[in-house]
Amino acid sequence: VQLQASGGGLVQAGDSLRLSCAASGRSFSNYAVGWFRQAPGKEREFLSGISWSGRTDYADSVKGRFTISSDNGKNTVYLQIDSLKTGDTAIYYCAAKFTPYSRLVLITSPQYDYWGQGTQVTVSS
């Protein structure tokens, strides 16, 4: 599956953004999907994951500000980010893995097989 991440941009602290991860040519049925980010000089960080049945998980650092959701009709998974902080500045990536397990949420990057190209989010103070 090919993934296309979009929705990033230059925003101010306190703003909200909704990032999109679109699957080209097929749906996310039977795929676990996750969002990660990588800031300059830092390791890639897990943010949130969603199973193909809709079960979700979040990193403790983003709980309450980030919301993951899916629209199966549009073959798209979203990441809503509220109350953006300058520390959220990073490239945001979505990833997917085919799985027969409907409730499986994956939280580490090596578990994923497919990656989007990333979308830059820059938060100014």
Protein backbone atom coordinates (compact mmCIF):
# COMPACT_ATOMS: atom_id res chain seq x y z
CA VAL A 1 0.00 0.00 0.00
CA GLN A 2 1.24 3.52 -0.81
CA LEU A 3 0.70 6.20 1.82
CA GLN A 4 0.44 9.92 1.31
CA ALA A 5 0.71 12.17 4.36
CA SER A 6 -0.53 15.74 4.10
CA GLY A 7 -1.91 18.63 6.12
CA GLY A 8 1.25 20.01 7.66
CA GLY A 9 2.27 23.62 7.55
CA LEU A 10 3.47 26.65 9.45
CA VAL A 11 1.18 27.47 12.35
CA GLN A 12 1.26 29.43 15.58
CA ALA A 13 1.37 28.00 19.06
CA GLY A 14 -2.15 27.25 20.24
CA ASP A 15 -3.48 26.51 16.75
CA SER A 16 -4.86 23.17 15.59
CA LEU A 17 -4.00 21.03 12.60
CA ARG A 18 -5.47 17.92 11.05
CA LEU A 19 -3.02 15.67 9.30
CA SER A 20 -4.22 13.14 6.75
CA CYS A 21 -2.78 9.81 5.70
CA ALA A 22 -4.34 8.54 2.50
CA ALA A 23 -3.92 5.03 1.13
CA SER A 24 -3.67 5.02 -2.62
CA GLY A 25 -5.37 2.30 -4.55
CA ARG A 26 -6.78 0.40 -1.63
CA SER A 27 -8.49 0.74 1.71
CA PHE A 28 -7.02 0.47 5.18
CA SER A 29 -9.08 -2.64 5.84
CA ASN A 30 -6.83 -5.17 7.53
CA TYR A 31 -4.15 -2.55 8.19
CA ALA A 32 -2.95 -1.17 11.49
CA VAL A 33 -1.97 2.47 10.99
CA GLY A 34 0.23 4.68 13.10
CA TRP A 35 1.54 8.22 13.28
CA PHE A 36 5.11 9.11 14.20
CA ARG A 37 7.17 12.26 14.16
CA GLN A 38 10.84 13.10 13.98
CA ALA A 39 12.33 16.39 15.03
CA PRO A 40 15.83 17.47 13.94
CA GLY A 41 18.48 15.60 15.91
CA LYS A 42 15.94 13.36 17.61
CA GLU A 43 14.77 9.81 17.11
CA ARG A 44 11.47 8.97 15.48
CA GLU A 45 8.72 9.08 18.09
CA PHE A 46 5.46 7.12 18.23
CA LEU A 47 2.40 9.35 18.60
CA SER A 48 -0.71 7.31 18.01
CA GLY A 49 -2.01 4.15 16.39
CA ILE A 50 -5.34 2.78 15.25
CA SER A 51 -6.37 -0.76 14.49
CA TRP A 52 -8.57 -1.59 11.53
CA SER A 53 -11.48 -2.13 13.91
CA GLY A 54 -10.99 1.35 15.36
CA ARG A 55 -9.11 0.62 18.58
CA THR A 56 -6.68 3.43 19.39
CA ASP A 57 -3.60 4.06 21.48
CA TYR A 58 -1.55 7.17 22.24
CA ALA A 59 1.84 8.05 23.57
CA ASP A 60 1.49 9.48 27.07
CA SER A 61 3.11 12.71 25.90
CA VAL A 62 0.28 13.49 23.47
CA LYS A 63 -2.80 12.14 25.25
CA GLY A 64 -5.47 14.79 25.45
CA ARG A 65 -4.12 16.88 22.55
CA PHE A 66 -3.89 14.36 19.70
CA THR A 67 -6.79 12.39 18.28
CA ILE A 68 -6.50 9.66 15.69
CA SER A 69 -9.45 8.62 13.56
CA SER A 70 -10.21 6.86 10.33
CA ASP A 71 -12.61 7.31 7.45
CA ASN A 72 -12.81 3.99 5.67
CA GLY A 73 -14.89 5.45 2.87
CA LYS A 74 -12.07 7.85 2.02
CA ASN A 75 -9.26 5.37 2.78
CA THR A 76 -7.80 7.98 5.09
CA VAL A 77 -6.54 8.10 8.66
CA TYR A 78 -6.40 11.46 10.39
CA LEU A 79 -4.39 12.91 13.24
CA GLN A 80 -6.00 15.93 14.88
CA ILE A 81 -3.52 18.01 16.84
CA ASP A 82 -4.86 20.66 19.19
CA SER A 83 -3.10 23.33 21.25
CA LEU A 84 0.04 23.07 19.18
CA LYS A 85 3.32 23.82 20.92
CA THR A 86 6.69 24.79 19.53
CA GLY A 87 7.91 21.37 20.68
CA ASP A 88 5.53 19.77 18.17
CA THR A 89 7.71 21.01 15.32
CA ALA A 90 8.77 17.93 13.37
CA ILE A 91 8.19 15.89 10.27
CA TYR A 92 5.11 13.75 10.78
CA TYR A 93 4.93 10.31 9.22
CA CYS A 94 2.17 7.79 8.86
CA ALA A 95 2.81 4.08 8.61
CA ALA A 96 0.82 0.91 8.01
CA LYS A 97 1.07 -2.82 8.45
CA PHE A 98 -1.19 -5.53 7.10
CA THR A 99 -2.56 -7.67 9.91
CA PRO A 100 -5.37 -10.20 10.33
CA TYR A 101 -5.90 -9.00 13.91
CA SER A 102 -8.66 -6.42 14.06
CA ARG A 103 -7.69 -4.94 17.42
CA LEU A 104 -3.94 -4.77 16.90
CA VAL A 105 -2.36 -1.37 17.51
CA LEU A 106 1.38 -1.14 16.85
CA ILE A 107 3.50 1.35 18.76
CA THR A 108 7.06 0.91 17.47
CA SER A 109 8.37 1.92 14.07
CA PRO A 110 10.06 -1.42 13.19
CA GLN A 111 6.65 -3.10 13.36
CA TYR A 112 5.39 -1.16 10.36
CA ASP A 113 6.03 -2.16 6.75
CA TYR A 114 4.79 0.84 4.80
CA TRP A 115 5.60 4.51 5.32
CA GLY A 116 4.41 7.76 3.86
CA GLN A 117 6.82 10.49 2.83
CA GLY A 118 6.14 12.75 5.81
CA THR A 119 4.60 16.17 6.21
CA GLN A 120 6.36 19.07 7.91
CA VAL A 121 4.71 20.77 10.87
CA THR A 122 6.34 23.95 12.10
CA VAL A 123 4.96 25.74 15.14
CA SER A 124 6.02 29.30 15.81
CA SER A 125 5.72 31.04 19.17
